[in-house]
Every structure is written in structure tokens, then in C-alpha cells.
């Protein structure tokens, strides 16, 4: 369940200063700061790019010029890597003064309505947060004294905390009404988790009784996916990832596909936002074990969109086909590899009632953790007809042999010693190690297990003809 907190409090523990006028200048003066350099970064989700550098002037100010050409959004400034601040740039002059000893509390926005709204909110929110922390401390003390988490005094304090949270929410909404043409209130509101109670009051015929069900449907109500300004913030990145973690759980292809379809349906009206969301999902699931989710992304979103846009989709088309060719029920690719003594093993010609292929790397800690259990399984089912291959994705023969000795590997140990350049990596679509495939006696892929229990259950069925 998503905690009912305001993500905007996480957004910043830093702040920023800028001047954005028609002369394209940004001024930031920090009293008591003895550094001499400030670097301006653009923000695009989890990516930050340096776009300008300013050096302290004789007046003590850092000045960035020609910033009016920058798109509206949130930007970061790092002062000699010791102080950090975020600021909104939106076609206005920005003048900010602060004290290095207490940057946020001393932040004085001389010019820029956008940043005055932003910093005033941060100051107010931090003050409220301090009160909430104190009340939470009082709850713990009562629980320690009474051993009763339902004590009436606790309920009273929880109501006060809810009131404080409501006050933060109402503060943001009041700023949105007061400054309907400014980006700062839109930004702050986007970080609010939608409130089921408010929704039910506004929609009496569509009431929700379960907050989890409500948020599953309305989590993004405060975000306009058609607003490109959010591309210059962390809003989409933070919110989409939060939604993946919450409603992609328990992790499954069905749940992840639901999340993808939900987000992409909202992003469809704006090409830039659509591309950002699609690329974010691709980056998330391409290196994951959820191959069917990646196929859904590629076949149903990536290829149709980028083909119409005239962009080559050859790489992802091939990737999708490769994944589908490795689905359970398909015949495994063959390989012919040598063991440390130079003896060749042909996967297809090696007879066994079942085959377990373990792709691992000798410098992989996850592999080192998993190998003892996998080797134990190999020995456990060997007498029942299991043939096991340990395929090392290595490029150093000495390290490979040392790893074989270290774990006393009794399975068939083979490698082409080409490391990540090995054709096996693409042939079997190996994104991470250890990577395991279980085949039947006809080399048909039966399972690509992710847990030890999956391996056991698959082998029991294969070796006992269940």
C-alpha cells in the first residue's frame, strides 16, 4: 500500500536559485559560502546533464546567462559539490539570496514568483513535518507505556497528524487557485497522492470503499500527461516507478503489463511524453527476467509507434523474435563447447532425460551465492537422468578453472572463453547471470526458472513423467 505521504517532501532537501528574465540571467548569492564555482544541471527524470557553469563574481553572486531559452522545468545547481539546490526556470527573472549555514530556512527569493511559491512551500512543509515527527514520537512513547497501539490518546494524535497532512494538501491547492498560470503549484500538486475522500465527495455516484483499489485507478489523477514541462522534472520518473513497485506487485507479467497499459494510455496524447514513458519502460524491463513484458512493450508499443515515426526498429524486432524463439515449448538453440581439458560437448548429442543449463560468470557474486544450491541439485537428480551443464561466460581460462576447483563442480563445465562477446549471450538472450534453462530429452525448453523451487518442481515432473 502506498504510504499516504507527500512525495514532494522527498523531491527536495536542496534548493536552487536562478534568475530568468528577458535578459536571460540567473543570480544566486549565498552568504558565508566560500566556494567559487556553481554548475547548472537540467533534470530529465533520473538523468541530469550539466548545461552551464558560473564562477563567483566580485559581488559574491553566481550568475548564469542566457537561460531564458531553456524549457520550463526544474533545474539543479551544485555549488562546488558541497551545496545543492533546485529551482524552477520559467521565463522570468530570478534573484535569490541565502545563507550557507541554513540554506532552506534563509532562502530569500527577491525575484521570481515561481520560486517564491516553491521555497515558501518547502519552508511550510518542513515546519509541518517537524510537528508530525514530534507527534509520531509521542505515539511511540504511549505504545511503550501502554502496549496498546489502539489507545485513545494515540487515535487523537493520529487525527492531528492527518490534519497536518491535510493542511499541506490544502496549502498546495490554495497556491494553485492563487496562481493558476504558474508551474510551481502544478509541480507540487503532481507529487500529491490523490485523496479518496475528496474524490468520493466530488463523485458521489462513483464512490470507492477500498483505497488500494482507488489508487490503482486514480494514482495519476494529479498529473497531466500532456504537459511536456514534466519532462524537465522528476515527476514522471518518480510517479511511474512508484506505480510499478506498488501495482506491479506481486511481480508478474500480468501485473507489469497492466501498469504499462495504464501509463501508455495516458501518454498517448503527447509524442514526447509517450516516447519518454515508453523508453523508461524499455530501460526498466529490457535487463529484467520478465521477457514476456518486454515482448509486450516491443510488439504492442515500440514497433508500432517508431515504425510510424520512421525510426528503425530492427534491433528491437530481432530482440522480440529471439525472446519468442526461447519461450517454453520451443526447441533450444544448440551449442558445441569445450571443457577445460579440451573435450567438446554437443548439447543436442548429449543424452539425458532432462538437461539443466546454468549460465554463470566467475566474477558474479550472485552466481557465487547460487552455485552451491545449483550444484547440489545437479547431483541430487543425476541418478534419475539429469544432465547438467555449467556454461561459464568468462574470458580468462585461469579464473574459470579456479572457479571450477573452488566449487568442486562435478557437472559438465564448458566455455568458449569469449566473455560477454560470446555468441551465447545473444543466442540465449542472457541479460544477467546466473541464467538457467531446463530442457527435456528432446531439447525442448520446459522452464527458465527464477527460483530454486521452480527448478525442483520442473525436474520432478520431467524425471518422474508426471
Protein backbone atom coordinates (compact mmCIF):
# COMPACT_ATOMS: atom_id res chain seq x y z
CA UNK A 1 0.00 0.00 0.00
CA UNK A 2 1.39 3.38 -0.96
CA UNK A 3 2.14 5.43 2.12
CA UNK A 4 -0.04 8.49 2.39
CA UNK A 5 2.82 10.93 2.30
CA UNK A 6 3.70 13.78 0.09
CA UNK A 7 6.40 12.76 -2.31
CA UNK A 8 7.24 16.39 -2.79
CA UNK A 9 8.98 16.29 0.60
CA UNK A 10 11.33 13.74 -0.92
CA UNK A 11 11.69 15.89 -4.02
CA UNK A 12 13.85 18.33 -2.19
CA UNK A 13 16.21 18.63 0.61
CA UNK A 14 18.04 21.04 -1.58
CA UNK A 15 17.02 24.18 -3.30
CA UNK A 16 18.07 26.48 -6.09
CA UNK A 17 18.49 29.91 -7.24
CA UNK A 18 18.05 31.50 -10.51
CA UNK A 19 17.28 34.50 -12.44
CA UNK A 20 15.27 34.11 -15.57
CA UNK A 21 14.47 37.37 -17.22
CA UNK A 22 14.17 38.56 -20.72
CA UNK A 23 17.90 39.21 -20.46
CA UNK A 24 18.31 35.53 -19.64
CA UNK A 25 20.16 35.95 -16.35
CA UNK A 26 20.12 34.00 -13.13
CA UNK A 27 21.61 35.27 -9.86
CA UNK A 28 22.30 33.28 -6.71
CA UNK A 29 24.04 34.80 -3.73
CA UNK A 30 24.99 32.64 -0.73
CA UNK A 31 26.34 34.43 2.31
CA UNK A 32 29.07 32.51 4.09
CA UNK A 33 29.82 30.23 1.15
CA UNK A 34 33.48 30.28 0.17
CA UNK A 35 33.38 28.12 -2.93
CA UNK A 36 33.96 29.68 -6.32
CA UNK A 37 32.02 27.55 -8.81
CA UNK A 38 28.40 26.60 -9.49
CA UNK A 39 27.19 24.16 -12.14
CA UNK A 40 23.68 24.24 -13.58
CA UNK A 41 22.09 20.90 -14.45
CA UNK A 42 18.97 20.09 -16.43
CA UNK A 43 16.73 17.38 -14.97
CA UNK A 44 15.03 14.74 -17.07
CA UNK A 45 13.66 12.03 -14.83
CA UNK A 46 16.66 10.33 -13.22
CA UNK A 47 19.05 11.90 -15.71
CA UNK A 48 20.94 15.11 -15.02
CA UNK A 49 23.07 16.92 -17.57
CA UNK A 50 25.41 19.86 -16.88
CA UNK A 51 24.45 22.75 -19.12
CA UNK A 52 26.32 25.76 -17.74
CA UNK A 53 28.98 26.83 -15.24
CA UNK A 54 29.17 30.08 -13.29
CA UNK A 55 32.01 31.47 -11.19
CA UNK A 56 31.59 33.73 -8.20
CA UNK A 57 31.66 37.39 -9.12
CA UNK A 58 33.11 40.22 -7.04
CA UNK A 59 29.60 40.85 -5.68
CA UNK A 60 29.54 37.32 -4.26
CA UNK A 61 26.84 36.19 -6.69
CA UNK A 62 26.84 33.32 -9.15
CA UNK A 63 25.34 34.43 -12.46
CA UNK A 64 24.06 32.22 -15.29
CA UNK A 65 23.40 33.97 -18.57
CA UNK A 66 21.12 33.13 -21.49
CA UNK A 67 18.85 30.79 -19.57
CA UNK A 68 15.58 32.14 -20.98
CA UNK A 69 15.94 29.76 -23.90
CA UNK A 70 15.73 26.79 -21.51
CA UNK A 71 12.41 24.91 -21.42
CA UNK A 72 10.22 25.38 -18.36
CA UNK A 73 11.02 22.92 -15.62
CA UNK A 74 13.11 22.13 -12.58
CA UNK A 75 16.88 22.59 -12.68
CA UNK A 76 19.63 21.84 -10.19
CA UNK A 77 22.63 23.86 -9.10
CA UNK A 78 25.64 22.32 -7.39
CA UNK A 79 27.95 24.75 -5.61
CA UNK A 80 31.47 23.26 -5.53
CA UNK A 81 29.80 19.87 -4.93
CA UNK A 82 29.11 20.90 -1.33
CA UNK A 83 25.76 22.69 -1.58
CA UNK A 84 22.82 21.73 -3.75
CA UNK A 85 19.60 23.44 -4.72
CA UNK A 86 16.74 23.06 -7.17
CA UNK A 87 14.98 25.91 -8.93
CA UNK A 88 12.20 26.45 -11.42
CA UNK A 89 13.06 28.24 -14.65
CA UNK A 90 10.03 29.66 -16.44
CA UNK A 91 10.70 32.81 -18.48
CA UNK A 92 11.08 35.16 -15.53
CA UNK A 93 13.89 36.91 -13.73
CA UNK A 94 15.18 35.01 -10.70
CA UNK A 95 17.13 36.57 -7.86
CA UNK A 96 17.74 34.54 -4.71
CA UNK A 97 19.76 35.18 -1.59
CA UNK A 98 20.53 32.65 1.14
CA UNK A 99 22.88 31.79 3.97
CA UNK A 100 25.19 28.80 3.63
CA UNK A 101 24.66 27.77 7.26
CA UNK A 102 20.93 27.20 6.79
CA UNK A 103 20.17 27.37 3.11
CA UNK A 104 16.48 26.49 3.09
CA UNK A 105 15.40 28.49 6.12
CA UNK A 106 17.27 31.56 4.89
CA UNK A 107 16.13 31.34 1.28
CA UNK A 108 15.04 34.81 0.20
CA UNK A 109 13.52 34.97 -3.29
CA UNK A 110 13.85 38.61 -4.36
CA UNK A 111 12.51 37.99 -7.87
CA UNK A 112 10.61 35.02 -9.37
CA UNK A 113 7.06 34.19 -8.39
CA UNK A 114 7.63 30.56 -9.36
CA UNK A 115 10.49 30.10 -6.91
CA UNK A 116 8.82 32.10 -4.17
CA UNK A 117 5.88 29.67 -4.35
CA UNK A 118 8.27 26.72 -4.34
CA UNK A 119 10.50 27.82 -1.46
CA UNK A 120 7.61 29.10 0.66
CA UNK A 121 6.04 25.67 0.29
CA UNK A 122 9.25 23.89 1.30
CA UNK A 123 9.60 26.03 4.41
CA UNK A 124 5.97 25.44 5.37
CA UNK A 125 6.13 21.71 4.62
CA UNK A 126 9.30 21.22 6.65
CA UNK A 127 7.76 23.04 9.59
CA UNK A 128 4.70 20.76 9.42
CA UNK A 129 6.92 17.71 9.01
CA UNK A 130 8.79 18.61 12.20
CA UNK A 131 5.46 18.70 14.04
CA UNK A 132 4.48 15.32 12.61
CA UNK A 133 7.81 13.80 13.68
CA UNK A 134 7.20 15.03 17.22
CA UNK A 135 3.69 13.57 17.27
CA UNK A 136 4.97 10.23 15.97
CA UNK A 137 7.48 10.26 18.83
CA UNK A 138 4.62 10.76 21.29
CA UNK A 139 2.78 7.78 19.77
CA UNK A 140 5.82 5.55 20.29
CA UNK A 141 6.10 6.66 23.91
CA UNK A 142 2.43 5.84 24.56
CA UNK A 143 2.82 2.44 22.91
CA UNK A 144 5.88 1.68 25.04
CA UNK A 145 4.00 2.65 28.17
CA UNK A 146 0.60 1.03 27.48
CA UNK A 147 1.45 -1.75 24.98
CA UNK A 148 -1.73 -0.67 23.23
CA UNK A 149 -1.49 0.61 19.67
CA UNK A 150 -5.24 1.39 19.77
CA UNK A 151 -5.04 3.56 22.84
CA UNK A 152 -7.49 6.51 22.66
CA UNK A 153 -4.66 9.03 23.05
CA UNK A 154 -2.94 7.50 20.02
CA UNK A 155 -6.09 7.87 17.95
CA UNK A 156 -6.27 11.55 18.89
CA UNK A 157 -2.66 12.10 17.86
CA UNK A 158 -3.19 10.23 14.57
CA UNK A 159 -6.11 12.54 13.83
CA UNK A 160 -3.83 15.52 14.42
CA UNK A 161 -1.27 14.04 12.02
CA UNK A 162 -3.98 13.56 9.39
CA UNK A 163 -4.98 17.19 9.90
CA UNK A 164 -1.39 18.32 9.35
CA UNK A 165 -1.21 16.29 6.15
CA UNK A 166 -4.48 17.81 5.00
CA UNK A 167 -3.09 21.25 5.73
CA UNK A 168 -0.15 20.58 3.40
CA UNK A 169 -2.53 19.39 0.71
CA UNK A 170 -4.81 22.40 1.14
CA UNK A 171 -1.81 24.73 1.05
CA UNK A 172 -0.84 23.44 -2.38
CA UNK A 173 -4.40 23.68 -3.70
CA UNK A 174 -4.66 27.26 -2.42
CA UNK A 175 -1.50 28.20 -4.31
CA UNK A 176 -2.91 26.62 -7.47
CA UNK A 177 -6.02 28.79 -7.18
CA UNK A 178 -3.99 31.89 -6.42
CA UNK A 179 -1.52 31.36 -9.27
CA UNK A 180 -3.39 29.44 -11.99
CA UNK A 181 -0.84 30.37 -14.68
CA UNK A 182 2.29 29.29 -12.73
CA UNK A 183 4.11 26.00 -12.97
CA UNK A 184 5.16 25.67 -9.29
CA UNK A 185 1.66 24.77 -7.97
CA UNK A 186 1.21 22.33 -10.86
CA UNK A 187 4.53 20.71 -9.94
CA UNK A 188 3.69 20.47 -6.24
CA UNK A 189 0.22 19.10 -6.92
CA UNK A 190 1.68 16.42 -9.19
CA UNK A 191 3.54 14.98 -6.21
CA UNK A 192 0.38 14.65 -4.12
CA UNK A 193 -1.17 11.21 -3.80
CA UNK A 194 -4.83 11.55 -4.86
CA UNK A 195 -7.23 11.58 -1.92
CA UNK A 196 -10.06 9.02 -1.98
CA UNK A 197 -12.21 11.04 0.41
CA UNK A 198 -12.04 14.14 -1.78
CA UNK A 199 -12.75 12.05 -4.88
CA UNK A 200 -15.81 10.44 -3.29
CA UNK A 201 -17.19 13.83 -2.30
CA UNK A 202 -16.77 15.11 -5.86
CA UNK A 203 -18.10 11.88 -7.42
CA UNK A 204 -20.89 10.56 -5.14
CA UNK A 205 -22.09 8.13 -7.82
CA UNK A 206 -18.64 6.57 -8.27
CA UNK A 207 -17.53 6.12 -4.68
CA UNK A 208 -14.68 3.85 -3.66
CA UNK A 209 -14.57 1.90 -0.40
CA UNK A 210 -11.07 0.49 -0.81
CA UNK A 211 -8.19 2.99 -1.00
CA UNK A 212 -5.91 0.49 -2.72
CA UNK A 213 -8.48 -0.07 -5.49
CA UNK A 214 -8.99 3.68 -5.75
CA UNK A 215 -5.28 4.44 -6.13
CA UNK A 216 -4.83 1.62 -8.63
CA UNK A 217 -7.24 3.52 -10.89
CA UNK A 218 -6.55 7.12 -9.91
CA UNK A 219 -2.90 7.26 -8.84
CA UNK A 220 -2.03 9.68 -11.66
CA UNK A 221 -5.05 11.98 -11.33
CA UNK A 222 -2.86 14.93 -10.32
CA UNK A 223 -0.55 14.60 -13.32
CA UNK A 224 -1.38 15.89 -16.79
CA UNK A 225 0.48 13.56 -19.15
CA UNK A 226 0.00 16.08 -21.91
CA UNK A 227 2.12 18.65 -20.08
CA UNK A 228 5.64 18.49 -21.53
CA UNK A 229 7.00 20.59 -18.68
CA UNK A 230 7.04 17.44 -16.55
CA UNK A 231 9.77 16.07 -18.82
CA UNK A 232 12.08 18.65 -17.22
CA UNK A 233 11.34 17.31 -13.73
CA UNK A 234 11.44 14.06 -11.76
CA UNK A 235 7.64 13.83 -11.66
CA UNK A 236 7.04 11.18 -14.33
CA UNK A 237 10.06 9.12 -13.35
CA UNK A 238 9.21 9.11 -9.64
CA UNK A 239 5.49 8.52 -10.06
CA UNK A 240 5.76 5.79 -12.70
CA UNK A 241 8.39 3.91 -10.71
CA UNK A 242 6.29 4.18 -7.57
CA UNK A 243 3.33 2.81 -9.50
CA UNK A 244 5.42 -0.07 -10.91
CA UNK A 245 6.62 -1.04 -7.43
CA UNK A 246 3.14 -0.84 -5.94
CA UNK A 247 0.84 -2.22 -8.61
CA UNK A 248 3.37 -4.43 -10.34
CA UNK A 249 3.41 -6.39 -7.07
CA UNK A 250 3.38 -9.26 -6.67
CA UNK A 251 5.82 -9.24 -9.58
CA UNK A 252 4.25 -10.93 -12.58
CA UNK A 253 3.84 -10.46 -16.32
CA UNK A 254 0.12 -9.74 -15.88
CA UNK A 255 0.65 -7.04 -13.27
CA UNK A 256 3.51 -5.37 -15.12
CA UNK A 257 1.56 -5.36 -18.37
CA UNK A 258 -1.36 -3.72 -16.55
CA UNK A 259 0.94 -0.96 -15.31
CA UNK A 260 2.36 -0.41 -18.80
CA UNK A 261 -1.06 -0.28 -20.46
CA UNK A 262 -2.34 2.13 -17.81
CA UNK A 263 0.51 4.60 -18.25
CA UNK A 264 0.79 4.38 -22.03
CA UNK A 265 -2.95 5.03 -22.42
CA UNK A 266 -2.49 8.34 -20.56
CA UNK A 267 0.65 9.28 -22.50
CA UNK A 268 -0.80 8.67 -25.95
CA UNK A 269 -1.82 12.30 -26.49
CA UNK A 270 1.71 13.76 -26.46
CA UNK A 271 4.51 12.28 -28.56
CA UNK A 272 7.37 13.49 -26.37
CA UNK A 273 5.75 12.24 -23.17
CA UNK A 274 4.80 8.99 -24.92
CA UNK A 275 8.40 8.44 -26.03
CA UNK A 276 9.70 9.19 -22.54
CA UNK A 277 7.32 6.73 -20.88
CA UNK A 278 8.00 4.04 -23.47
CA UNK A 279 11.76 4.42 -23.18
CA UNK A 280 11.51 4.36 -19.38
CA UNK A 281 9.64 1.05 -19.52
CA UNK A 282 12.11 -0.37 -22.05
CA UNK A 283 15.05 0.59 -19.79
CA UNK A 284 13.26 -0.98 -16.83
CA UNK A 285 12.32 -4.31 -18.37
CA UNK A 286 14.98 -4.96 -21.03
CA UNK A 287 17.55 -6.08 -18.43
CA UNK A 288 14.94 -7.90 -16.33
CA UNK A 289 13.88 -11.54 -16.29
CA UNK A 290 10.34 -10.61 -17.34
CA UNK A 291 10.85 -11.30 -21.02
CA UNK A 292 7.15 -11.51 -21.88
CA UNK A 293 6.70 -7.99 -20.53
CA UNK A 294 9.47 -6.77 -22.82
CA UNK A 295 7.86 -8.53 -25.79
CA UNK A 296 4.57 -6.79 -24.97
CA UNK A 297 6.36 -3.44 -24.88
CA UNK A 298 8.16 -4.06 -28.16
CA UNK A 299 5.35 -5.64 -30.17
CA UNK A 300 2.44 -3.54 -28.94
CA UNK A 301 4.07 -0.16 -28.36
CA UNK A 302 7.65 0.28 -29.54
CA UNK A 303 7.48 -1.14 -33.07
CA UNK A 304 4.04 0.32 -33.99
CA UNK A 305 4.99 3.80 -32.73
CA UNK A 306 8.53 4.09 -34.04
CA UNK A 307 7.73 2.45 -37.37
CA UNK A 308 5.13 5.16 -37.98
CA UNK A 309 7.73 7.74 -36.89
CA UNK A 310 10.17 6.45 -39.48
CA UNK A 311 12.66 5.16 -36.91
CA UNK A 312 14.43 1.85 -37.50
CA UNK A 313 13.13 -0.89 -35.22
CA UNK A 314 15.42 -3.67 -36.43
CA UNK A 315 17.23 -4.19 -33.13
CA UNK A 316 14.08 -4.50 -31.04
CA UNK A 317 12.30 -6.51 -33.72
CA UNK A 318 15.12 -9.06 -33.62
CA UNK A 319 15.16 -8.99 -29.82
CA UNK A 320 11.44 -9.72 -29.66
CA UNK A 321 11.76 -12.59 -32.12
CA UNK A 322 14.72 -14.00 -30.19
CA UNK A 323 12.79 -13.94 -26.93
CA UNK A 324 9.77 -15.60 -28.51
CA UNK A 325 12.03 -18.27 -30.02
CA UNK A 326 13.24 -19.09 -26.48
CA UNK A 327 9.82 -19.47 -24.91
CA UNK A 328 8.94 -22.73 -23.13
CA UNK A 329 7.76 -25.18 -25.78
CA UNK A 330 10.37 -24.02 -28.31
CA UNK A 331 13.48 -26.00 -29.14
CA UNK A 332 16.63 -24.69 -27.51
CA UNK A 333 19.49 -23.42 -29.65
CA UNK A 334 22.37 -25.88 -29.83
CA UNK A 335 25.94 -25.27 -28.75
CA UNK A 336 29.22 -27.11 -29.02
CA UNK A 337 31.67 -26.11 -26.27
CA UNK A 338 34.82 -27.46 -24.72
CA UNK A 339 35.64 -28.30 -21.11
CA UNK A 340 38.97 -27.32 -19.50
CA UNK A 341 40.61 -30.46 -20.94
CA UNK A 342 39.55 -29.59 -24.48
CA UNK A 343 36.82 -32.24 -24.69
CA UNK A 344 33.89 -31.00 -26.81
CA UNK A 345 30.28 -31.35 -25.73
CA UNK A 346 27.37 -31.01 -28.15
CA UNK A 347 24.18 -30.05 -26.32
CA UNK A 348 21.91 -31.89 -28.74
CA UNK A 349 24.05 -35.04 -28.79
CA UNK A 350 24.39 -35.26 -25.03
CA UNK A 351 21.76 -37.73 -23.89
CA UNK A 352 19.67 -37.17 -20.79
CA UNK A 353 16.11 -37.50 -19.60
CA UNK A 354 16.34 -33.80 -18.70
CA UNK A 355 19.02 -31.15 -19.10
CA UNK A 356 19.80 -28.19 -16.90
CA UNK A 357 21.95 -25.42 -18.37
CA UNK A 358 23.38 -22.93 -15.89
CA UNK A 359 24.98 -19.85 -17.45
CA UNK A 360 27.19 -18.14 -14.90
CA UNK A 361 30.18 -15.84 -14.63
CA UNK A 362 33.17 -16.38 -12.36
CA UNK A 363 33.20 -12.72 -11.27
CA UNK A 364 29.47 -12.64 -10.46
CA UNK A 365 28.61 -12.52 -6.75
CA UNK A 366 25.01 -13.60 -7.40
CA UNK A 367 26.42 -16.65 -9.18
CA UNK A 368 28.74 -17.43 -6.27
CA UNK A 369 25.76 -17.29 -3.92
CA UNK A 370 23.61 -19.54 -6.12
CA UNK A 371 26.17 -22.11 -7.32
CA UNK A 372 26.24 -24.32 -4.19
CA UNK A 373 22.47 -24.92 -4.39
CA UNK A 374 22.57 -25.45 -8.16
CA UNK A 375 25.43 -27.94 -7.88
CA UNK A 376 23.54 -29.76 -5.16
CA UNK A 377 20.51 -30.04 -7.45
CA UNK A 378 22.71 -31.34 -10.27
CA UNK A 379 23.99 -34.14 -8.04
CA UNK A 380 20.59 -34.83 -6.49
CA UNK A 381 18.88 -35.61 -9.80
CA UNK A 382 21.86 -37.01 -11.70
CA UNK A 383 20.96 -40.64 -10.97
CA UNK A 384 17.44 -40.01 -12.28
CA UNK A 385 18.70 -38.93 -15.69
CA UNK A 386 19.53 -35.23 -15.32
CA UNK A 387 22.50 -33.91 -17.29
CA UNK A 388 23.76 -30.53 -16.09
CA UNK A 389 25.92 -28.01 -17.93
CA UNK A 390 27.79 -25.21 -16.21
CA UNK A 391 28.41 -22.70 -19.02
CA UNK A 392 30.86 -20.02 -17.91
CA UNK A 393 30.52 -16.60 -19.55
CA UNK A 394 34.21 -15.98 -18.90
CA UNK A 395 37.21 -14.75 -20.86
CA UNK A 396 40.01 -15.85 -18.52
CA UNK A 397 40.83 -19.54 -18.53
CA UNK A 398 42.75 -19.46 -15.23
CA UNK A 399 39.90 -17.76 -13.39
CA UNK A 400 37.42 -20.20 -14.94
CA UNK A 401 39.42 -23.24 -13.84
CA UNK A 402 39.95 -21.76 -10.38
CA UNK A 403 36.18 -21.33 -10.01
CA UNK A 404 35.60 -24.96 -11.04
CA UNK A 405 38.02 -26.13 -8.35
CA UNK A 406 36.66 -23.73 -5.74
CA UNK A 407 33.13 -25.13 -6.03
CA UNK A 408 34.19 -28.71 -6.83
CA UNK A 409 31.99 -28.67 -9.92
CA UNK A 410 31.01 -32.19 -10.99
CA UNK A 411 28.69 -31.16 -13.78
CA UNK A 412 29.83 -30.63 -17.39
CA UNK A 413 31.85 -27.40 -17.24
CA UNK A 414 32.23 -25.69 -20.61
CA UNK A 415 33.00 -22.24 -22.02
CA UNK A 416 34.06 -20.54 -25.24
CA UNK A 417 36.10 -18.07 -23.14
CA UNK A 418 34.74 -15.08 -25.06
CA UNK A 419 33.07 -13.46 -22.06
CA UNK A 420 30.31 -11.01 -22.88
CA UNK A 421 31.37 -11.14 -26.54
CA UNK A 422 30.28 -14.77 -26.69
CA UNK A 423 27.59 -15.56 -29.29
CA UNK A 424 25.85 -17.42 -26.47
CA UNK A 425 24.84 -14.13 -24.87
CA UNK A 426 22.64 -13.16 -27.81
CA UNK A 427 21.74 -16.73 -28.76
CA UNK A 428 20.15 -17.34 -25.36
CA UNK A 429 19.29 -13.68 -24.65
CA UNK A 430 21.30 -13.63 -21.42
CA UNK A 431 20.78 -10.33 -19.58
CA UNK A 432 22.11 -11.42 -16.21
CA UNK A 433 23.73 -14.38 -14.53
CA UNK A 434 23.06 -16.92 -13.24
CA UNK A 435 20.64 -17.73 -16.05
CA UNK A 436 19.06 -21.20 -16.04
CA UNK A 437 17.22 -23.19 -18.69
CA UNK A 438 15.71 -26.65 -18.23
CA UNK A 439 15.18 -28.85 -21.30
CA UNK A 440 13.50 -32.20 -21.82
CA UNK A 441 15.23 -35.09 -23.54
CA UNK A 442 14.28 -33.65 -26.97
CA UNK A 443 15.94 -30.30 -26.12
CA UNK A 444 12.60 -28.53 -25.82
CA UNK A 445 12.67 -25.62 -23.36
CA UNK A 446 10.46 -26.54 -20.41
CA UNK A 447 11.27 -23.75 -17.98
CA UNK A 448 13.51 -20.75 -17.40
CA UNK A 449 13.24 -20.86 -13.61
CA UNK A 450 13.91 -17.87 -11.39
CA UNK A 451 13.82 -19.70 -8.05
CA UNK A 452 15.22 -22.94 -6.66
CA UNK A 453 11.72 -24.27 -6.02
CA UNK A 454 10.89 -23.80 -9.72
CA UNK A 455 13.87 -25.96 -10.63
CA UNK A 456 12.85 -28.74 -8.27
CA UNK A 457 9.23 -28.81 -9.39
CA UNK A 458 10.17 -28.84 -13.09
CA UNK A 459 12.73 -31.62 -12.69
CA UNK A 460 10.38 -33.74 -10.59
CA UNK A 461 7.81 -33.59 -13.40
CA UNK A 462 10.33 -34.33 -16.15
CA UNK A 463 12.20 -37.11 -14.41
CA UNK A 464 9.17 -38.84 -12.99
CA UNK A 465 6.96 -38.45 -16.06
CA UNK A 466 4.28 -36.58 -14.13
